[in-house]
Amino acid sequence: MASDNFVDYVKIFCRSGKGGAGSRHMRRERHIPKGGPDGGDGGRGGHVIIRGNKQMWTLLHLKFQKHTKADHGKGGGGQQRTGGEGDDAYIDVPVGTIVRDSETNEILFEIDEHGQEEIVRKGGKGGRGNTHFKSSTNRSPDYAQPGEDEVEGWTILELKVLADVGLVGFPNAGKSTLLSVLSAAKPEIANYPFTTLRPNLGIVDYRGNRSFVMADIPGIIEGAHEGKGLGLRFLRHIERNSLLLFLVPADSDDIAKEYEILSNELRQYNPQLLDKERILAISKSDMLDEELMEEIKKQLPDLKTIFISSVARQNLNELKDLIWNTLDHD
């Protein structure tokens, strides 16, 4: 199944390279039998580097390649020759990847741009050769520094989906159906909670050969910001959407209350999410007549609202117009 290729969380083991040892070499030439120290420094160990790649959209490749090791630095040589640096090891990830310390859960950095490079494990420094330790009281030091040890440990990579529009709603609000109708995406669709276990991305064609990207974010439940259900892993993806499209079904017991619960989950997780542009779409509206729609409108919050039906293809072009004009306004 295509959705199985979407992996948004992996834990990987990274080890940098050890620094090369400094040289204890003594200068020995035909006419200079006791020439003193000339040992060079050791080379730096290789770094482990995380690199952004806009051609990638999943962390699937790291699910089966969880260990990355950089090369060790080379030892220094005579005639003050510095040892070669160990080759760096690169880990390519999609733009929108967060890198965390596995023990503290602290965010180390975020990959926001294609080609961005960040060191996740620094290579050990090369040791200094014996030339650095020559002094007036010790003209022939017979010692040098070893290289610094490698650095190793587990690191967490999390992916935030980058899309223009994020669909926000409870399970079974009709998000997957809407995405499948508006785009070529084929998400799983069924009448039970958490059909969508991973975000699905779809490209929605618009007038004049234009398009925008829509993400079907897995359904929120009340208490998601506390990690209930599949909570925090879902909310993470919403942070990178330009516009939030709230989807509440027409057969909801209280549409306004359901919208407020969804808004509150976002607020509790990250208050800045509510600074984004928002649209409220009442799905499954083919079951409503004009009189019911007018009655519902009186109870709705003060934001852009549209009644739609994915199955009956009702007001879908109007929805795309509203989305495009809102995005273009930004």
C-alpha atoms as a PDB file:
ATOM      1  CA  MET A   1       0.000   0.000   0.000  1.00  0.00           C
ATOM      2  CA  ALA A   2       1.423   3.423  -0.926  1.00  0.00           C
ATOM      3  CA  SER A   3       0.689   4.908   2.492  1.00  0.00           C
ATOM      4  CA  ASP A   4       3.003   2.337   4.067  1.00  0.00           C
ATOM      5  CA  ASN A   5       5.862   4.193   2.398  1.00  0.00           C
ATOM      6  CA  PHE A   6       5.204   7.254   4.515  1.00  0.00           C
ATOM      7  CA  VAL A   7       7.414   7.070   7.599  1.00  0.00           C
ATOM      8  CA  ASP A   8       7.450  10.221   9.736  1.00  0.00           C
ATOM      9  CA  TYR A   9       9.406   9.006  12.796  1.00  0.00           C
ATOM     10  CA  VAL A  10      12.661   7.086  13.100  1.00  0.00           C
ATOM     11  CA  LYS A  11      15.313   6.574  15.745  1.00  0.00           C
ATOM     12  CA  ILE A  12      18.812   6.228  14.346  1.00  0.00           C
ATOM     13  CA  PHE A  13      22.263   5.530  15.760  1.00  0.00           C
ATOM     14  CA  CYS A  14      25.076   7.858  14.661  1.00  0.00           C
ATOM     15  CA  ARG A  15      28.797   7.606  15.364  1.00  0.00           C
ATOM     16  CA  SER A  16      31.338  10.190  14.317  1.00  0.00           C
ATOM     17  CA  GLY A  17      34.947   9.374  13.490  1.00  0.00           C
ATOM     18  CA  LYS A  18      37.765   9.323  16.019  1.00  0.00           C
ATOM     19  CA  GLY A  19      40.501  11.916  15.612  1.00  0.00           C
ATOM     20  CA  GLY A  20      43.858  10.669  14.294  1.00  0.00           C
ATOM     21  CA  ALA A  21      46.769  10.460  16.711  1.00  0.00           C
ATOM     22  CA  GLY A  22      49.561  13.024  16.627  1.00  0.00           C
ATOM     23  CA  SER A  23      52.980  11.750  15.504  1.00  0.00           C
ATOM     24  CA  ARG A  24      55.984  11.244  17.818  1.00  0.00           C
ATOM     25  CA  HIS A  25      58.371  11.273  14.873  1.00  0.00           C
ATOM     26  CA  MET A  26      61.945  12.575  15.272  1.00  0.00           C
ATOM     27  CA  ARG A  27      63.764  14.195  12.387  1.00  0.00           C
ATOM     28  CA  ARG A  28      66.439  11.808  11.145  1.00  0.00           C
ATOM     29  CA  GLU A  29      68.442  12.754   8.062  1.00  0.00           C
ATOM     30  CA  ARG A  30      71.848  11.742   6.769  1.00  0.00           C
ATOM     31  CA  HIS A  31      73.676  14.780   8.131  1.00  0.00           C
ATOM     32  CA  ILE A  32      71.286  15.470  10.993  1.00  0.00           C
ATOM     33  CA  PRO A  33      71.174  12.326  13.140  1.00  0.00           C
ATOM     34  CA  LYS A  34      69.459  14.086  16.031  1.00  0.00           C
ATOM     35  CA  GLY A  35      67.235  16.625  14.415  1.00  0.00           C
ATOM     36  CA  GLY A  36      64.538  16.948  17.046  1.00  0.00           C
ATOM     37  CA  PRO A  37      60.769  16.428  16.849  1.00  0.00           C
ATOM     38  CA  ASP A  38      58.890  16.856  13.555  1.00  0.00           C
ATOM     39  CA  GLY A  39      55.713  14.846  14.180  1.00  0.00           C
ATOM     40  CA  GLY A  40      52.572  16.209  12.511  1.00  0.00           C
ATOM     41  CA  ASP A  41      49.064  16.507  13.888  1.00  0.00           C
ATOM     42  CA  GLY A  42      46.394  13.851  13.470  1.00  0.00           C
ATOM     43  CA  GLY A  43      43.444  14.473  11.149  1.00  0.00           C
ATOM     44  CA  ARG A  44      39.927  15.275  12.323  1.00  0.00           C
ATOM     45  CA  GLY A  45      37.449  12.431  12.521  1.00  0.00           C
ATOM     46  CA  GLY A  46      34.484  12.542  10.161  1.00  0.00           C
ATOM     47  CA  HIS A  47      31.279  14.325  11.179  1.00  0.00           C
ATOM     48  CA  VAL A  48      27.808  12.838  10.851  1.00  0.00           C
ATOM     49  CA  ILE A  49      25.780  15.458   8.976  1.00  0.00           C
ATOM     50  CA  ILE A  50      22.020  15.754   8.414  1.00  0.00           C
ATOM     51  CA  ARG A  51      21.245  17.275   4.987  1.00  0.00           C
ATOM     52  CA  GLY A  52      17.953  18.568   3.582  1.00  0.00           C
ATOM     53  CA  ASN A  53      16.747  17.089   0.294  1.00  0.00           C
ATOM     54  CA  LYS A  54      13.637  18.516  -1.378  1.00  0.00           C
ATOM     55  CA  GLN A  55      13.296  15.402  -3.542  1.00  0.00           C
ATOM     56  CA  MET A  56      12.479  13.305  -0.468  1.00  0.00           C
ATOM     57  CA  TRP A  57       9.108  13.169   1.303  1.00  0.00           C
ATOM     58  CA  THR A  58       9.497  10.322   3.795  1.00  0.00           C
ATOM     59  CA  LEU A  59      11.984   8.883   6.300  1.00  0.00           C
ATOM     60  CA  LEU A  60      11.358   5.369   4.967  1.00  0.00           C
ATOM     61  CA  HIS A  61      14.986   4.884   3.856  1.00  0.00           C
ATOM     62  CA  LEU A  62      16.178   5.298   7.455  1.00  0.00           C
ATOM     63  CA  LYS A  63      13.755   2.716   8.772  1.00  0.00           C
ATOM     64  CA  PHE A  64      16.023   0.015   7.349  1.00  0.00           C
ATOM     65  CA  GLN A  65      19.354   1.843   7.705  1.00  0.00           C
ATOM     66  CA  LYS A  66      19.446   2.893  11.321  1.00  0.00           C
ATOM     67  CA  HIS A  67      23.225   2.958  11.826  1.00  0.00           C
ATOM     68  CA  THR A  68      25.470   5.619  10.308  1.00  0.00           C
ATOM     69  CA  LYS A  69      29.203   5.828  11.003  1.00  0.00           C
ATOM     70  CA  ALA A  70      31.764   8.344   9.799  1.00  0.00           C
ATOM     71  CA  ASP A  71      35.414   7.470   9.114  1.00  0.00           C
ATOM     72  CA  HIS A  72      38.241   7.952  11.603  1.00  0.00           C
ATOM     73  CA  GLY A  73      40.929  10.568  11.049  1.00  0.00           C
ATOM     74  CA  LYS A  74      44.406   9.448   9.984  1.00  0.00           C
ATOM     75  CA  GLY A  75      47.487   9.749  12.183  1.00  0.00           C
ATOM     76  CA  GLY A  76      50.063  12.495  11.686  1.00  0.00           C
ATOM     77  CA  GLY A  77      53.430  11.788  10.020  1.00  0.00           C
ATOM     78  CA  GLY A  78      57.028  12.922   9.978  1.00  0.00           C
ATOM     79  CA  GLN A  79      58.116  16.255   8.512  1.00  0.00           C
ATOM     80  CA  GLN A  80      55.090  17.768  10.266  1.00  0.00           C
ATOM     81  CA  ARG A  81      52.649  16.104   7.897  1.00  0.00           C
ATOM     82  CA  THR A  82      49.040  16.375   9.109  1.00  0.00           C
ATOM     83  CA  GLY A  83      46.967  13.233   8.884  1.00  0.00           C
ATOM     84  CA  GLY A  84      44.002  13.124   6.516  1.00  0.00           C
ATOM     85  CA  GLU A  85      40.520  13.936   7.789  1.00  0.00           C
ATOM     86  CA  GLY A  86      37.995  11.133   8.078  1.00  0.00           C
ATOM     87  CA  ASP A  87      35.213  11.221   5.489  1.00  0.00           C
ATOM     88  CA  ASP A  88      31.992  12.799   6.740  1.00  0.00           C
ATOM     89  CA  ALA A  89      28.840  10.690   6.677  1.00  0.00           C
ATOM     90  CA  TYR A  90      25.712  12.351   5.265  1.00  0.00           C
ATOM     91  CA  ILE A  91      22.104  11.506   6.079  1.00  0.00           C
ATOM     92  CA  ASP A  92      19.634  12.988   3.586  1.00  0.00           C
ATOM     93  CA  VAL A  93      16.199  13.837   4.968  1.00  0.00           C
ATOM     94  CA  PRO A  94      13.111  15.664   3.667  1.00  0.00           C
ATOM     95  CA  VAL A  95      12.734  19.386   4.255  1.00  0.00           C
ATOM     96  CA  GLY A  96      10.662  19.760   7.416  1.00  0.00           C
ATOM     97  CA  THR A  97      12.583  17.211   9.508  1.00  0.00           C
ATOM     98  CA  ILE A  98      13.104  17.870  13.219  1.00  0.00           C
ATOM     99  CA  VAL A  99      16.151  16.358  14.927  1.00  0.00           C
ATOM    100  CA  ARG A 100      15.887  15.555  18.633  1.00  0.00           C
ATOM    101  CA  ASP A 101      18.152  14.187  21.340  1.00  0.00           C
ATOM    102  CA  SER A 102      16.782  10.730  22.165  1.00  0.00           C
ATOM    103  CA  GLU A 103      17.479  11.024  25.903  1.00  0.00           C
ATOM    104  CA  THR A 104      16.260  14.553  26.662  1.00  0.00           C
ATOM    105  CA  ASN A 105      13.829  14.891  23.722  1.00  0.00           C
ATOM    106  CA  GLU A 106      15.333  18.349  23.196  1.00  0.00           C
ATOM    107  CA  ILE A 107      15.088  19.734  19.656  1.00  0.00           C
ATOM    108  CA  LEU A 108      18.644  20.064  18.347  1.00  0.00           C
ATOM    109  CA  PHE A 109      17.732  21.710  15.044  1.00  0.00           C
ATOM    110  CA  GLU A 110      15.235  21.636  12.188  1.00  0.00           C
ATOM    111  CA  ILE A 111      15.944  21.170   8.494  1.00  0.00           C
ATOM    112  CA  ASP A 112      14.018  23.951   6.714  1.00  0.00           C
ATOM    113  CA  GLU A 113      15.777  24.256   3.361  1.00  0.00           C
ATOM    114  CA  HIS A 114      17.068  22.104   0.541  1.00  0.00           C
ATOM    115  CA  GLY A 115      20.834  21.614   0.910  1.00  0.00           C
ATOM    116  CA  GLN A 116      20.891  22.754   4.544  1.00  0.00           C
ATOM    117  CA  GLU A 117      23.547  20.852   6.481  1.00  0.00           C
ATOM    118  CA  GLU A 118      23.737  20.414  10.252  1.00  0.00           C
ATOM    119  CA  ILE A 119      26.254  18.368  12.233  1.00  0.00           C
ATOM    120  CA  VAL A 120      24.527  15.881  14.521  1.00  0.00           C
ATOM    121  CA  ARG A 121      27.737  14.161  15.730  1.00  0.00           C
ATOM    122  CA  LYS A 122      31.068  16.025  15.605  1.00  0.00           C
ATOM    123  CA  GLY A 123      34.194  14.158  14.621  1.00  0.00           C
ATOM    124  CA  GLY A 124      36.969  13.981  17.197  1.00  0.00           C
ATOM    125  CA  LYS A 125      39.811  16.498  16.913  1.00  0.00           C
ATOM    126  CA  GLY A 126      43.140  15.169  15.763  1.00  0.00           C
ATOM    127  CA  GLY A 127      45.888  14.898  18.375  1.00  0.00           C
ATOM    128  CA  ARG A 128      48.810  17.310  18.301  1.00  0.00           C
ATOM    129  CA  GLY A 129      52.178  16.005  17.182  1.00  0.00           C
ATOM    130  CA  ASN A 130      55.321  16.154  19.313  1.00  0.00           C
ATOM    131  CA  THR A 131      56.512  19.373  17.633  1.00  0.00           C
ATOM    132  CA  HIS A 132      53.978  21.250  19.791  1.00  0.00           C
ATOM    133  CA  PHE A 133      55.642  20.045  22.987  1.00  0.00           C
ATOM    134  CA  LYS A 134      59.219  21.148  22.285  1.00  0.00           C
ATOM    135  CA  SER A 135      60.483  23.635  24.849  1.00  0.00           C
ATOM    136  CA  SER A 136      63.709  25.108  26.175  1.00  0.00           C
ATOM    137  CA  THR A 137      63.818  22.414  28.831  1.00  0.00           C
ATOM    138  CA  ASN A 138      62.668  19.545  26.634  1.00  0.00           C
ATOM    139  CA  ARG A 139      64.093  19.717  23.133  1.00  0.00           C
ATOM    140  CA  SER A 140      63.185  16.148  22.173  1.00  0.00           C
ATOM    141  CA  PRO A 141      59.685  15.340  23.480  1.00  0.00           C
ATOM    142  CA  ASP A 142      58.889  11.709  22.813  1.00  0.00           C
ATOM    143  CA  TYR A 143      55.144  12.009  23.194  1.00  0.00           C
ATOM    144  CA  ALA A 144      52.138  13.296  21.257  1.00  0.00           C
ATOM    145  CA  GLN A 145      48.419  13.578  21.835  1.00  0.00           C
ATOM    146  CA  PRO A 146      46.027  10.809  20.877  1.00  0.00           C
ATOM    147  CA  GLY A 147      43.047  11.894  18.826  1.00  0.00           C
ATOM    148  CA  GLU A 148      39.753  12.711  20.508  1.00  0.00           C
ATOM    149  CA  ASP A 149      37.294   9.848  20.784  1.00  0.00           C
ATOM    150  CA  GLU A 150      34.341   9.461  18.482  1.00  0.00           C
ATOM    151  CA  VAL A 151      30.886  10.618  19.617  1.00  0.00           C
ATOM    152  CA  GLU A 152      27.988   8.218  19.347  1.00  0.00           C
ATOM    153  CA  GLY A 153      24.376   7.952  20.365  1.00  0.00           C
ATOM    154  CA  TRP A 154      20.759   7.632  19.314  1.00  0.00           C
ATOM    155  CA  THR A 155      18.941  10.476  17.587  1.00  0.00           C
ATOM    156  CA  ILE A 156      15.249  10.937  16.814  1.00  0.00           C
ATOM    157  CA  LEU A 157      14.094  12.267  13.450  1.00  0.00           C
ATOM    158  CA  GLU A 158      10.525  13.520  13.077  1.00  0.00           C
ATOM    159  CA  LEU A 159       8.939  14.763   9.887  1.00  0.00           C
ATOM    160  CA  LYS A 160       6.413  17.571   9.681  1.00  0.00           C
ATOM    161  CA  VAL A 161       4.395  17.477   6.491  1.00  0.00           C
ATOM    162  CA  LEU A 162       4.818  20.624   4.418  1.00  0.00           C
ATOM    163  CA  ALA A 163       1.588  21.543   2.618  1.00  0.00           C
ATOM    164  CA  ASP A 164      -0.436  24.618   1.729  1.00  0.00           C
ATOM    165  CA  VAL A 165      -3.633  23.323   3.313  1.00  0.00           C
ATOM    166  CA  GLY A 166      -3.992  21.042   6.320  1.00  0.00           C
ATOM    167  CA  LEU A 167      -7.295  19.248   6.871  1.00  0.00           C
ATOM    168  CA  VAL A 168      -8.264  19.324  10.548  1.00  0.00           C
ATOM    169  CA  GLY A 169     -11.129  17.329  12.010  1.00  0.00           C
ATOM    170  CA  PHE A 170     -12.262  14.464  14.163  1.00  0.00           C
ATOM    171  CA  PRO A 171     -12.043  10.907  12.805  1.00  0.00           C
ATOM    172  CA  ASN A 172     -14.692  10.269  10.150  1.00  0.00           C
ATOM    173  CA  ALA A 173     -15.235  13.953   9.364  1.00  0.00           C
ATOM    174  CA  GLY A 174     -14.737  13.146   5.672  1.00  0.00           C
ATOM    175  CA  LYS A 175     -11.192  14.422   5.240  1.00  0.00           C
ATOM    176  CA  SER A 176      -9.897  11.435   3.273  1.00  0.00           C
ATOM    177  CA  THR A 177     -12.944  11.466   1.018  1.00  0.00           C
ATOM    178  CA  LEU A 178     -12.517  15.170   0.294  1.00  0.00           C
ATOM    179  CA  LEU A 179      -8.824  14.730  -0.532  1.00  0.00           C
ATOM    180  CA  SER A 180      -9.549  11.801  -2.846  1.00  0.00           C
ATOM    181  CA  VAL A 181     -12.161  13.843  -4.718  1.00  0.00           C
ATOM    182  CA  LEU A 182     -10.108  17.043  -5.024  1.00  0.00           C
ATOM    183  CA  SER A 183      -6.806  15.379  -5.949  1.00  0.00           C
ATOM    184  CA  ALA A 184      -5.314  12.209  -7.371  1.00  0.00           C
ATOM    185  CA  ALA A 185      -4.428  10.975  -3.871  1.00  0.00           C
ATOM    186  CA  LYS A 186      -5.972   7.655  -2.895  1.00  0.00           C
ATOM    187  CA  PRO A 187      -6.125   7.572   0.903  1.00  0.00           C
ATOM    188  CA  GLU A 188      -7.750   4.717   2.781  1.00  0.00           C
ATOM    189  CA  ILE A 189     -11.446   5.460   3.293  1.00  0.00           C
ATOM    190  CA  ALA A 190     -13.688   3.572   5.698  1.00  0.00           C
ATOM    191  CA  ASN A 191     -16.316   4.310   8.299  1.00  0.00           C
ATOM    192  CA  TYR A 192     -14.274   3.769  11.450  1.00  0.00           C
ATOM    193  CA  PRO A 193     -11.941   5.971  13.498  1.00  0.00           C
ATOM    194  CA  PHE A 194      -8.295   6.415  12.572  1.00  0.00           C
ATOM    195  CA  THR A 195      -8.544   5.025   9.067  1.00  0.00           C
ATOM    196  CA  THR A 196      -5.803   7.542   8.271  1.00  0.00           C
ATOM    197  CA  LEU A 197      -2.773   6.554  10.320  1.00  0.00           C
ATOM    198  CA  ARG A 198      -0.356   8.711   8.334  1.00  0.00           C
ATOM    199  CA  PRO A 199      -0.756  12.069   6.611  1.00  0.00           C
ATOM    200  CA  ASN A 200      -1.748  11.816   2.956  1.00  0.00           C
ATOM    201  CA  LEU A 201      -0.648  14.497   0.513  1.00  0.00           C
ATOM    202  CA  GLY A 202      -2.578  15.449  -2.592  1.00  0.00           C
ATOM    203  CA  ILE A 203      -1.985  18.046  -5.297  1.00  0.00           C
ATOM    204  CA  VAL A 204      -5.203  19.912  -6.057  1.00  0.00           C
ATOM    205  CA  ASP A 205      -5.481  21.332  -9.581  1.00  0.00           C
ATOM    206  CA  TYR A 206      -6.797  24.855  -9.813  1.00  0.00           C
ATOM    207  CA  ARG A 207      -7.764  27.195 -12.614  1.00  0.00           C
ATOM    208  CA  GLY A 208      -5.110  28.247 -15.126  1.00  0.00           C
ATOM    209  CA  ASN A 209      -2.772  25.284 -14.542  1.00  0.00           C
ATOM    210  CA  ARG A 210      -2.201  26.334 -10.953  1.00  0.00           C
ATOM    211  CA  SER A 211      -2.253  23.982  -7.985  1.00  0.00           C
ATOM    212  CA  PHE A 212      -1.844  23.730  -4.237  1.00  0.00           C
ATOM    213  CA  VAL A 213      -0.892  20.900  -1.871  1.00  0.00           C
ATOM    214  CA  MET A 214      -3.425  19.564   0.612  1.00  0.00           C
ATOM    215  CA  ALA A 215      -2.597  17.256   3.522  1.00  0.00           C
ATOM    216  CA  ASP A 216      -5.107  14.922   5.119  1.00  0.00           C
ATOM    217  CA  ILE A 217      -3.945  15.044   8.724  1.00  0.00           C
ATOM    218  CA  PRO A 218      -5.068  12.002  10.756  1.00  0.00           C
ATOM    219  CA  GLY A 219      -8.113  12.709  12.923  1.00  0.00           C
ATOM    220  CA  ILE A 220      -7.845  14.582  16.189  1.00  0.00           C
ATOM    221  CA  ILE A 221      -9.633  13.428  19.324  1.00  0.00           C
ATOM    222  CA  GLU A 222     -10.324  15.491  22.427  1.00  0.00           C
ATOM    223  CA  GLY A 223      -7.187  15.354  24.559  1.00  0.00           C
ATOM    224  CA  ALA A 224      -4.854  14.930  21.569  1.00  0.00           C
ATOM    225  CA  HIS A 225      -2.529  17.648  22.913  1.00  0.00           C
ATOM    226  CA  GLU A 226      -1.934  15.381  25.927  1.00  0.00           C
ATOM    227  CA  GLY A 227      -0.956  12.530  23.640  1.00  0.00           C
ATOM    228  CA  LYS A 228      -4.297  10.728  23.742  1.00  0.00           C
ATOM    229  CA  GLY A 229      -5.169   8.610  20.731  1.00  0.00           C
ATOM    230  CA  LEU A 230      -2.521   9.271  18.105  1.00  0.00           C
ATOM    231  CA  GLY A 231      -2.437  12.902  19.311  1.00  0.00           C
ATOM    232  CA  LEU A 232       0.982  14.536  19.339  1.00  0.00           C
ATOM    233  CA  ARG A 233       2.270  12.829  16.211  1.00  0.00           C
ATOM    234  CA  PHE A 234      -0.753  14.192  14.324  1.00  0.00           C
ATOM    235  CA  LEU A 235      -0.620  17.719  15.709  1.00  0.00           C
ATOM    236  CA  ARG A 236       3.034  17.985  14.694  1.00  0.00           C
ATOM    237  CA  HIS A 237       2.107  17.894  11.018  1.00  0.00           C
ATOM    238  CA  ILE A 238      -0.329  20.791  11.273  1.00  0.00           C
ATOM    239  CA  GLU A 239       2.457  23.205  12.223  1.00  0.00           C
ATOM    240  CA  ARG A 240       3.793  23.393   8.670  1.00  0.00           C
ATOM    241  CA  ASN A 241       0.518  24.141   6.870  1.00  0.00           C
ATOM    242  CA  SER A 242      -0.174  27.649   5.597  1.00  0.00           C
ATOM    243  CA  LEU A 243      -3.951  27.347   5.942  1.00  0.00           C
ATOM    244  CA  LEU A 244      -6.083  25.151   8.177  1.00  0.00           C
ATOM    245  CA  LEU A 245      -9.291  23.747   6.713  1.00  0.00           C
ATOM    246  CA  PHE A 246     -11.524  22.599   9.562  1.00  0.00           C
ATOM    247  CA  LEU A 247     -13.945  19.892   8.505  1.00  0.00           C
ATOM    248  CA  VAL A 248     -17.047  19.258  10.616  1.00  0.00           C
ATOM    249  CA  PRO A 249     -19.821  16.943   9.333  1.00  0.00           C
ATOM    250  CA  ALA A 250     -23.340  18.288   8.968  1.00  0.00           C
ATOM    251  CA  ASP A 251     -24.718  15.474  11.134  1.00  0.00           C
ATOM    252  CA  SER A 252     -22.626  16.553  14.134  1.00  0.00           C
ATOM    253  CA  ASP A 253     -24.647  17.085  17.326  1.00  0.00           C
ATOM    254  CA  ASP A 254     -23.144  20.554  17.773  1.00  0.00           C
ATOM    255  CA  ILE A 255     -21.046  21.936  14.912  1.00  0.00           C
ATOM    256  CA  ALA A 256     -19.911  25.057  16.787  1.00  0.00           C
ATOM    257  CA  LYS A 257     -18.859  23.012  19.830  1.00  0.00           C
ATOM    258  CA  GLU A 258     -16.971  20.514  17.682  1.00  0.00           C
ATOM    259  CA  TYR A 259     -15.082  23.350  15.992  1.00  0.00           C
ATOM    260  CA  GLU A 260     -14.236  24.845  19.389  1.00  0.00           C
ATOM    261  CA  ILE A 261     -12.895  21.500  20.666  1.00  0.00           C
ATOM    262  CA  LEU A 262     -10.673  21.194  17.588  1.00  0.00           C
ATOM    263  CA  SER A 263      -9.459  24.780  18.007  1.00  0.00           C
ATOM    264  CA  ASN A 264      -8.746  24.183  21.680  1.00  0.00           C
ATOM    265  CA  GLU A 265      -6.614  21.111  20.925  1.00  0.00           C
ATOM    266  CA  LEU A 266      -4.502  23.211  18.574  1.00  0.00           C
ATOM    267  CA  ARG A 267      -4.321  26.041  21.121  1.00  0.00           C
ATOM    268  CA  GLN A 268      -3.180  23.700  23.891  1.00  0.00           C
ATOM    269  CA  TYR A 269      -0.524  22.156  21.658  1.00  0.00           C
ATOM    270  CA  ASN A 270       0.785  25.404  20.160  1.00  0.00           C
ATOM    271  CA  PRO A 271      -1.130  28.719  20.453  1.00  0.00           C
ATOM    272  CA  GLN A 272       0.596  30.048  17.323  1.00  0.00           C
ATOM    273  CA  LEU A 273      -1.336  27.543  15.204  1.00  0.00           C
ATOM    274  CA  LEU A 274      -4.429  29.696  15.593  1.00  0.00           C
ATOM    275  CA  ASP A 275      -2.602  32.622  13.985  1.00  0.00           C
ATOM    276  CA  LYS A 276      -2.913  30.759  10.686  1.00  0.00           C
ATOM    277  CA  GLU A 277      -5.700  31.454   8.213  1.00  0.00           C
ATOM    278  CA  ARG A 278      -8.700  29.207   8.889  1.00  0.00           C
ATOM    279  CA  ILE A 279     -11.693  28.030   6.892  1.00  0.00           C
ATOM    280  CA  LEU A 280     -14.591  25.996   8.244  1.00  0.00           C
ATOM    281  CA  ALA A 281     -16.162  23.512   5.824  1.00  0.00           C
ATOM    282  CA  ILE A 282     -19.382  21.735   6.798  1.00  0.00           C
ATOM    283  CA  SER A 283     -19.074  18.342   5.102  1.00  0.00           C
ATOM    284  CA  LYS A 284     -21.866  15.909   4.140  1.00  0.00           C
ATOM    285  CA  SER A 285     -24.091  18.929   3.485  1.00  0.00           C
ATOM    286  CA  ASP A 286     -26.106  17.127   0.818  1.00  0.00           C
ATOM    287  CA  MET A 287     -28.316  15.931   3.685  1.00  0.00           C
ATOM    288  CA  LEU A 288     -29.308  19.541   4.514  1.00  0.00           C
ATOM    289  CA  ASP A 289     -31.961  21.717   2.935  1.00  0.00           C
ATOM    290  CA  GLU A 290     -31.731  25.513   2.666  1.00  0.00           C
ATOM    291  CA  GLU A 291     -33.736  26.060   5.835  1.00  0.00           C
ATOM    292  CA  LEU A 292     -31.411  23.856   7.911  1.00  0.00           C
ATOM    293  CA  MET A 293     -28.325  25.551   6.451  1.00  0.00           C
ATOM    294  CA  GLU A 294     -29.653  28.982   7.431  1.00  0.00           C
ATOM    295  CA  GLU A 295     -30.370  27.729  10.936  1.00  0.00           C
ATOM    296  CA  ILE A 296     -26.868  26.255  11.282  1.00  0.00           C
ATOM    297  CA  LYS A 297     -25.231  29.477  10.015  1.00  0.00           C
ATOM    298  CA  LYS A 298     -26.672  31.395  12.979  1.00  0.00           C
ATOM    299  CA  GLN A 299     -24.755  29.144  15.397  1.00  0.00           C
ATOM    300  CA  LEU A 300     -21.380  29.122  13.628  1.00  0.00           C
ATOM    301  CA  PRO A 301     -18.240  30.995  14.738  1.00  0.00           C
ATOM    302  CA  ASP A 302     -17.161  34.144  12.929  1.00  0.00           C
ATOM    303  CA  LEU A 303     -14.856  32.806  10.204  1.00  0.00           C
ATOM    304  CA  LYS A 304     -14.993  31.867   6.532  1.00  0.00           C
ATOM    305  CA  THR A 305     -17.501  29.023   6.200  1.00  0.00           C
ATOM    306  CA  ILE A 306     -18.727  26.891   3.314  1.00  0.00           C
ATOM    307  CA  PHE A 307     -21.156  23.965   3.043  1.00  0.00           C
ATOM    308  CA  ILE A 308     -19.826  21.103   0.908  1.00  0.00           C
ATOM    309  CA  SER A 309     -20.422  17.484  -0.012  1.00  0.00           C
ATOM    310  CA  SER A 310     -17.600  15.360  -1.395  1.00  0.00           C
ATOM    311  CA  VAL A 311     -19.928  12.540  -2.456  1.00  0.00           C
ATOM    312  CA  ALA A 312     -22.448  14.833  -4.181  1.00  0.00           C
ATOM    313  CA  ARG A 313     -19.659  17.110  -5.535  1.00  0.00           C
ATOM    314  CA  GLN A 314     -21.420  20.065  -3.931  1.00  0.00           C
ATOM    315  CA  ASN A 315     -19.604  23.438  -3.747  1.00  0.00           C
ATOM    316  CA  LEU A 316     -16.178  21.871  -4.323  1.00  0.00           C
ATOM    317  CA  ASN A 317     -15.138  24.428  -6.947  1.00  0.00           C
ATOM    318  CA  GLU A 318     -16.307  27.173  -4.616  1.00  0.00           C
ATOM    319  CA  LEU A 319     -14.202  25.605  -1.864  1.00  0.00           C
ATOM    320  CA  LYS A 320     -11.116  25.626  -4.112  1.00  0.00           C
ATOM    321  CA  ASP A 321     -11.770  29.278  -4.966  1.00  0.00           C
ATOM    322  CA  LEU A 322     -12.021  30.151  -1.288  1.00  0.00           C
ATOM    323  CA  ILE A 323      -8.807  28.260  -0.480  1.00  0.00           C
ATOM    324  CA  TRP A 324      -6.891  29.787  -3.382  1.00  0.00           C
ATOM    325  CA  ASN A 325      -7.984  33.338  -2.630  1.00  0.00           C
ATOM    326  CA  THR A 326      -7.084  32.894   1.030  1.00  0.00           C
ATOM    327  CA  LEU A 327      -3.646  31.489   0.168  1.00  0.00           C
ATOM    328  CA  ASP A 328      -3.045  34.156  -2.459  1.00  0.00           C
ATOM    329  CA  HIS A 329      -4.025  36.841   0.030  1.00  0.00           C
ATOM    330  CA  ASP A 330      -1.137  35.722   2.265  1.00  0.00           C
END
